[in-house]
Amino acid sequence: MASILFGLAHLAGGWDYVLLSTIAGFGYGWAMRRSGRIEGAIATHFLVNSLHFGFFTYPALAGSMQ
């Protein structure tokens, strides 16, 4: 249920983003359960966001500035 709510919290990005966020939410839940601490989920979320920014968002922005 928490993963679905996490996905719906990203509705502004569209339904594809909701689906991806819901799947990511399961991963964050798994990280929290495995570590036993919320910091595990926070670190995983930070890592995913950093990878997304570095490999998808930033290169797209750099390409649009040319």
PDB file of N, CA and C in Angstrom:
ATOM      1  N   MET A   1       0.819  -1.188   0.000  1.00  0.00           N
ATOM      2  CA  MET A   1       0.000   0.000   0.000  1.00  0.00           C
ATOM      3  C   MET A   1       0.865   1.256   0.000  1.00  0.00           C
ATOM      4  N   ALA A   2       1.940   1.247   0.772  1.00  0.00           N
ATOM      5  CA  ALA A   2       2.818   2.416   0.823  1.00  0.00           C
ATOM      6  C   ALA A   2       3.459   2.679  -0.542  1.00  0.00           C
ATOM      7  N   SER A   3       3.795   1.615  -1.267  1.00  0.00           N
ATOM      8  CA  SER A   3       4.397   1.786  -2.590  1.00  0.00           C
ATOM      9  C   SER A   3       3.421   2.418  -3.570  1.00  0.00           C
ATOM     10  N   ILE A   4       2.165   2.032  -3.488  1.00  0.00           N
ATOM     11  CA  ILE A   4       1.135   2.607  -4.356  1.00  0.00           C
ATOM     12  C   ILE A   4       0.942   4.084  -4.032  1.00  0.00           C
ATOM     13  N   LEU A   5       0.899   4.410  -2.755  1.00  0.00           N
ATOM     14  CA  LEU A   5       0.763   5.812  -2.358  1.00  0.00           C
ATOM     15  C   LEU A   5       1.982   6.623  -2.800  1.00  0.00           C
ATOM     16  N   PHE A   6       3.156   6.019  -2.701  1.00  0.00           N
ATOM     17  CA  PHE A   6       4.370   6.695  -3.161  1.00  0.00           C
ATOM     18  C   PHE A   6       4.266   6.965  -4.661  1.00  0.00           C
ATOM     19  N   GLY A   7       3.786   5.986  -5.405  1.00  0.00           N
ATOM     20  CA  GLY A   7       3.598   6.166  -6.839  1.00  0.00           C
ATOM     21  C   GLY A   7       2.599   7.262  -7.149  1.00  0.00           C
ATOM     22  N   LEU A   8       1.477   7.262  -6.453  1.00  0.00           N
ATOM     23  CA  LEU A   8       0.455   8.278  -6.689  1.00  0.00           C
ATOM     24  C   LEU A   8       0.927   9.680  -6.308  1.00  0.00           C
ATOM     25  N   ALA A   9       1.866   9.754  -5.382  1.00  0.00           N
ATOM     26  CA  ALA A   9       2.423  11.060  -5.012  1.00  0.00           C
ATOM     27  C   ALA A   9       3.204  11.673  -6.171  1.00  0.00           C
ATOM     28  N   HIS A  10       3.547  10.859  -7.177  1.00  0.00           N
ATOM     29  CA  HIS A  10       4.293  11.328  -8.343  1.00  0.00           C
ATOM     30  C   HIS A  10       3.398  11.458  -9.578  1.00  0.00           C
ATOM     31  N   LEU A  11       2.105  11.610  -9.350  1.00  0.00           N
ATOM     32  CA  LEU A  11       1.132  11.689 -10.445  1.00  0.00           C
ATOM     33  C   LEU A  11       1.387  12.856 -11.392  1.00  0.00           C
ATOM     34  N   ALA A  12       1.971  13.918 -10.906  1.00  0.00           N
ATOM     35  CA  ALA A  12       2.239  15.082 -11.757  1.00  0.00           C
ATOM     36  C   ALA A  12       3.118  14.719 -12.950  1.00  0.00           C
ATOM     37  N   GLY A  13       3.896  13.654 -12.834  1.00  0.00           N
ATOM     38  CA  GLY A  13       4.765  13.221 -13.923  1.00  0.00           C
ATOM     39  C   GLY A  13       4.069  12.354 -14.951  1.00  0.00           C
ATOM     40  N   GLY A  14       2.813  12.015 -14.713  1.00  0.00           N
ATOM     41  CA  GLY A  14       2.072  11.162 -15.644  1.00  0.00           C
ATOM     42  C   GLY A  14       1.982   9.729 -15.131  1.00  0.00           C
ATOM     43  N   TRP A  15       1.157   8.943 -15.800  1.00  0.00           N
ATOM     44  CA  TRP A  15       0.893   7.578 -15.338  1.00  0.00           C
ATOM     45  C   TRP A  15       2.112   6.667 -15.474  1.00  0.00           C
ATOM     46  N   ASP A  16       2.948   6.900 -16.488  1.00  0.00           N
ATOM     47  CA  ASP A  16       4.170   6.101 -16.607  1.00  0.00           C
ATOM     48  C   ASP A  16       5.069   6.331 -15.394  1.00  0.00           C
ATOM     49  N   TYR A  17       5.137   7.574 -14.961  1.00  0.00           N
ATOM     50  CA  TYR A  17       5.951   7.919 -13.798  1.00  0.00           C
ATOM     51  C   TYR A  17       5.364   7.330 -12.517  1.00  0.00           C
ATOM     52  N   VAL A  18       4.038   7.287 -12.444  1.00  0.00           N
ATOM     53  CA  VAL A  18       3.381   6.659 -11.289  1.00  0.00           C
ATOM     54  C   VAL A  18       3.788   5.184 -11.209  1.00  0.00           C
ATOM     55  N   LEU A  19       3.756   4.509 -12.361  1.00  0.00           N
ATOM     56  CA  LEU A  19       4.136   3.090 -12.384  1.00  0.00           C
ATOM     57  C   LEU A  19       5.587   2.903 -11.958  1.00  0.00           C
ATOM     58  N   LEU A  20       6.493   3.687 -12.527  1.00  0.00           N
ATOM     59  CA  LEU A  20       7.906   3.571 -12.156  1.00  0.00           C
ATOM     60  C   LEU A  20       8.136   3.904 -10.687  1.00  0.00           C
ATOM     61  N   SER A  21       7.435   4.910 -10.187  1.00  0.00           N
ATOM     62  CA  SER A  21       7.582   5.300  -8.780  1.00  0.00           C
ATOM     63  C   SER A  21       7.032   4.225  -7.846  1.00  0.00           C
ATOM     64  N   THR A  22       5.971   3.568  -8.258  1.00  0.00           N
ATOM     65  CA  THR A  22       5.415   2.479  -7.450  1.00  0.00           C
ATOM     66  C   THR A  22       6.406   1.326  -7.366  1.00  0.00           C
ATOM     67  N   ILE A  23       7.008   0.989  -8.507  1.00  0.00           N
ATOM     68  CA  ILE A  23       8.024  -0.068  -8.513  1.00  0.00           C
ATOM     69  C   ILE A  23       9.214   0.339  -7.646  1.00  0.00           C
ATOM     70  N   ALA A  24       9.646   1.600  -7.779  1.00  0.00           N
ATOM     71  CA  ALA A  24      10.744   2.092  -6.949  1.00  0.00           C
ATOM     72  C   ALA A  24      10.362   2.030  -5.467  1.00  0.00           C
ATOM     73  N   GLY A  25       9.103   2.332  -5.164  1.00  0.00           N
ATOM     74  CA  GLY A  25       8.627   2.271  -3.784  1.00  0.00           C
ATOM     75  C   GLY A  25       8.785   0.890  -3.170  1.00  0.00           C
ATOM     76  N   PHE A  26       8.564  -0.150  -3.984  1.00  0.00           N
ATOM     77  CA  PHE A  26       8.799  -1.515  -3.490  1.00  0.00           C
ATOM     78  C   PHE A  26      10.276  -1.705  -3.150  1.00  0.00           C
ATOM     79  N   GLY A  27      11.161  -1.155  -3.999  1.00  0.00           N
ATOM     80  CA  GLY A  27      12.598  -1.244  -3.728  1.00  0.00           C
ATOM     81  C   GLY A  27      12.995  -0.496  -2.477  1.00  0.00           C
ATOM     82  N   TYR A  28      12.408   0.675  -2.271  1.00  0.00           N
ATOM     83  CA  TYR A  28      12.711   1.448  -1.063  1.00  0.00           C
ATOM     84  C   TYR A  28      12.204   0.720   0.176  1.00  0.00           C
ATOM     85  N   GLY A  29      11.039   0.106   0.054  1.00  0.00           N
ATOM     86  CA  GLY A  29      10.505  -0.683   1.167  1.00  0.00           C
ATOM     87  C   GLY A  29      11.401  -1.872   1.480  1.00  0.00           C
ATOM     88  N   TRP A  30      11.900  -2.516   0.418  1.00  0.00           N
ATOM     89  CA  TRP A  30      12.806  -3.643   0.604  1.00  0.00           C
ATOM     90  C   TRP A  30      14.083  -3.184   1.296  1.00  0.00           C
ATOM     91  N   ALA A  31      14.615  -2.030   0.878  1.00  0.00           N
ATOM     92  CA  ALA A  31      15.841  -1.501   1.485  1.00  0.00           C
ATOM     93  C   ALA A  31      15.624  -1.194   2.957  1.00  0.00           C
ATOM     94  N   MET A  32      14.460  -0.653   3.286  1.00  0.00           N
ATOM     95  CA  MET A  32      14.164  -0.353   4.685  1.00  0.00           C
ATOM     96  C   MET A  32      14.027  -1.638   5.496  1.00  0.00           C
ATOM     97  N   ARG A  33      13.339  -2.599   4.919  1.00  0.00           N
ATOM     98  CA  ARG A  33      13.138  -3.869   5.640  1.00  0.00           C
ATOM     99  C   ARG A  33      14.471  -4.592   5.843  1.00  0.00           C
ATOM    100  N   ARG A  34      15.299  -4.561   4.814  1.00  0.00           N
ATOM    101  CA  ARG A  34      16.590  -5.256   4.900  1.00  0.00           C
ATOM    102  C   ARG A  34      17.521  -4.591   5.912  1.00  0.00           C
ATOM    103  N   SER A  35      17.543  -3.253   5.917  1.00  0.00           N
ATOM    104  CA  SER A  35      18.443  -2.545   6.840  1.00  0.00           C
ATOM    105  C   SER A  35      17.830  -2.399   8.226  1.00  0.00           C
ATOM    106  N   GLY A  36      16.501  -2.435   8.289  1.00  0.00           N
ATOM    107  CA  GLY A  36      15.830  -2.246   9.573  1.00  0.00           C
ATOM    108  C   GLY A  36      15.745  -0.790   9.994  1.00  0.00           C
ATOM    109  N   ARG A  37      16.137   0.115   9.079  1.00  0.00           N
ATOM    110  CA  ARG A  37      16.146   1.545   9.392  1.00  0.00           C
ATOM    111  C   ARG A  37      15.650   2.337   8.194  1.00  0.00           C
ATOM    112  N   ILE A  38      15.021   3.462   8.459  1.00  0.00           N
ATOM    113  CA  ILE A  38      14.519   4.333   7.393  1.00  0.00           C
ATOM    114  C   ILE A  38      15.666   4.884   6.549  1.00  0.00           C
ATOM    115  N   GLU A  39      16.860   4.992   7.148  1.00  0.00           N
ATOM    116  CA  GLU A  39      18.010   5.509   6.418  1.00  0.00           C
ATOM    117  C   GLU A  39      18.368   4.643   5.210  1.00  0.00           C
ATOM    118  N   GLY A  40      18.063   3.364   5.287  1.00  0.00           N
ATOM    119  CA  GLY A  40      18.306   2.482   4.141  1.00  0.00           C
ATOM    120  C   GLY A  40      17.466   2.892   2.946  1.00  0.00           C
ATOM    121  N   ALA A  41      16.200   3.204   3.186  1.00  0.00           N
ATOM    122  CA  ALA A  41      15.315   3.656   2.121  1.00  0.00           C
ATOM    123  C   ALA A  41      15.726   5.041   1.621  1.00  0.00           C
ATOM    124  N   ILE A  42      16.123   5.900   2.538  1.00  0.00           N
ATOM    125  CA  ILE A  42      16.545   7.253   2.160  1.00  0.00           C
ATOM    126  C   ILE A  42      17.795   7.188   1.279  1.00  0.00           C
ATOM    127  N   ALA A  43      18.760   6.374   1.662  1.00  0.00           N
ATOM    128  CA  ALA A  43      19.996   6.243   0.886  1.00  0.00           C
ATOM    129  C   ALA A  43      19.706   5.664  -0.502  1.00  0.00           C
ATOM    130  N   THR A  44      18.816   4.687  -0.576  1.00  0.00           N
ATOM    131  CA  THR A  44      18.454   4.097  -1.861  1.00  0.00           C
ATOM    132  C   THR A  44      17.753   5.118  -2.746  1.00  0.00           C
ATOM    133  N   HIS A  45      16.840   5.879  -2.173  1.00  0.00           N
ATOM    134  CA  HIS A  45      16.140   6.924  -2.921  1.00  0.00           C
ATOM    135  C   HIS A  45      17.136   7.961  -3.437  1.00  0.00           C
ATOM    136  N   PHE A  46      18.084   8.369  -2.600  1.00  0.00           N
ATOM    137  CA  PHE A  46      19.105   9.326  -2.998  1.00  0.00           C
ATOM    138  C   PHE A  46      19.938   8.779  -4.154  1.00  0.00           C
ATOM    139  N   LEU A  47      20.320   7.511  -4.070  1.00  0.00           N
ATOM    140  CA  LEU A  47      21.120   6.893  -5.113  1.00  0.00           C
ATOM    141  C   LEU A  47      20.348   6.842  -6.434  1.00  0.00           C
ATOM    142  N   VAL A  48      19.095   6.429  -6.390  1.00  0.00           N
ATOM    143  CA  VAL A  48      18.276   6.366  -7.605  1.00  0.00           C
ATOM    144  C   VAL A  48      18.109   7.757  -8.207  1.00  0.00           C
ATOM    145  N   ASN A  49      17.805   8.744  -7.375  1.00  0.00           N
ATOM    146  CA  ASN A  49      17.658  10.117  -7.878  1.00  0.00           C
ATOM    147  C   ASN A  49      18.962  10.632  -8.483  1.00  0.00           C
ATOM    148  N   SER A  50      20.084  10.334  -7.852  1.00  0.00           N
ATOM    149  CA  SER A  50      21.379  10.774  -8.358  1.00  0.00           C
ATOM    150  C   SER A  50      21.688  10.136  -9.711  1.00  0.00           C
ATOM    151  N   LEU A  51      21.417   8.837  -9.831  1.00  0.00           N
ATOM    152  CA  LEU A  51      21.637   8.150 -11.105  1.00  0.00           C
ATOM    153  C   LEU A  51      20.727   8.708 -12.189  1.00  0.00           C
ATOM    154  N   HIS A  52      19.475   8.950 -11.833  1.00  0.00           N
ATOM    155  CA  HIS A  52      18.537   9.507 -12.805  1.00  0.00           C
ATOM    156  C   HIS A  52      19.000  10.882 -13.269  1.00  0.00           C
ATOM    157  N   PHE A  53      19.404  11.716 -12.347  1.00  0.00           N
ATOM    158  CA  PHE A  53      19.874  13.053 -12.703  1.00  0.00           C
ATOM    159  C   PHE A  53      21.118  12.978 -13.578  1.00  0.00           C
ATOM    160  N   GLY A  54      22.071  12.144 -13.178  1.00  0.00           N
ATOM    161  CA  GLY A  54      23.330  12.055 -13.894  1.00  0.00           C
ATOM    162  C   GLY A  54      23.242  11.440 -15.274  1.00  0.00           C
ATOM    163  N   PHE A  55      22.381  10.440 -15.442  1.00  0.00           N
ATOM    164  CA  PHE A  55      22.339   9.709 -16.704  1.00  0.00           C
ATOM    165  C   PHE A  55      21.174  10.084 -17.610  1.00  0.00           C
ATOM    166  N   PHE A  56      20.141  10.706 -17.064  1.00  0.00           N
ATOM    167  CA  PHE A  56      18.973  11.009 -17.891  1.00  0.00           C
ATOM    168  C   PHE A  56      18.665  12.508 -17.944  1.00  0.00           C
ATOM    169  N   THR A  57      18.484  13.131 -16.796  1.00  0.00           N
ATOM    170  CA  THR A  57      18.073  14.525 -16.767  1.00  0.00           C
ATOM    171  C   THR A  57      19.178  15.446 -17.243  1.00  0.00           C
ATOM    172  N   TYR A  58      20.356  15.343 -16.665  1.00  0.00           N
ATOM    173  CA  TYR A  58      21.436  16.268 -17.003  1.00  0.00           C
ATOM    174  C   TYR A  58      21.853  16.152 -18.475  1.00  0.00           C
ATOM    175  N   PRO A  59      22.066  14.946 -19.016  1.00  0.00           N
ATOM    176  CA  PRO A  59      22.412  14.868 -20.439  1.00  0.00           C
ATOM    177  C   PRO A  59      21.324  15.432 -21.352  1.00  0.00           C
ATOM    178  N   ALA A  60      20.070  15.254 -20.989  1.00  0.00           N
ATOM    179  CA  ALA A  60      18.972  15.805 -21.798  1.00  0.00           C
ATOM    180  C   ALA A  60      19.000  17.329 -21.764  1.00  0.00           C
ATOM    181  N   LEU A  61      19.265  17.896 -20.603  1.00  0.00           N
ATOM    182  CA  LEU A  61      19.353  19.344 -20.488  1.00  0.00           C
ATOM    183  C   LEU A  61      20.560  19.875 -21.253  1.00  0.00           C
ATOM    184  N   ALA A  62      21.672  19.193 -21.181  1.00  0.00           N
ATOM    185  CA  ALA A  62      22.872  19.627 -21.879  1.00  0.00           C
ATOM    186  C   ALA A  62      22.645  19.596 -23.391  1.00  0.00           C
ATOM    187  N   GLY A  63      21.923  18.586 -23.874  1.00  0.00           N
ATOM    188  CA  GLY A  63      21.638  18.475 -25.293  1.00  0.00           C
ATOM    189  C   GLY A  63      20.680  19.560 -25.788  1.00  0.00           C
ATOM    190  N   SER A  64      19.786  20.023 -24.915  1.00  0.00           N
ATOM    191  CA  SER A  64      18.813  21.036 -25.314  1.00  0.00           C
ATOM    192  C   SER A  64      19.413  22.438 -25.323  1.00  0.00           C
ATOM    193  N   MET A  65      20.602  22.592 -24.746  1.00  0.00           N
ATOM    194  CA  MET A  65      21.226  23.915 -24.683  1.00  0.00           C
ATOM    195  C   MET A  65      22.073  24.199 -25.920  1.00  0.00           C
ATOM    196  N   GLN A  66      22.230  23.241 -26.795  1.00  0.00           N
ATOM    197  CA  GLN A  66      23.052  23.440 -27.988  1.00  0.00           C
ATOM    198  C   GLN A  66      22.287  24.092 -29.098  1.00  0.00           C
TER     199      GLN A  66
END
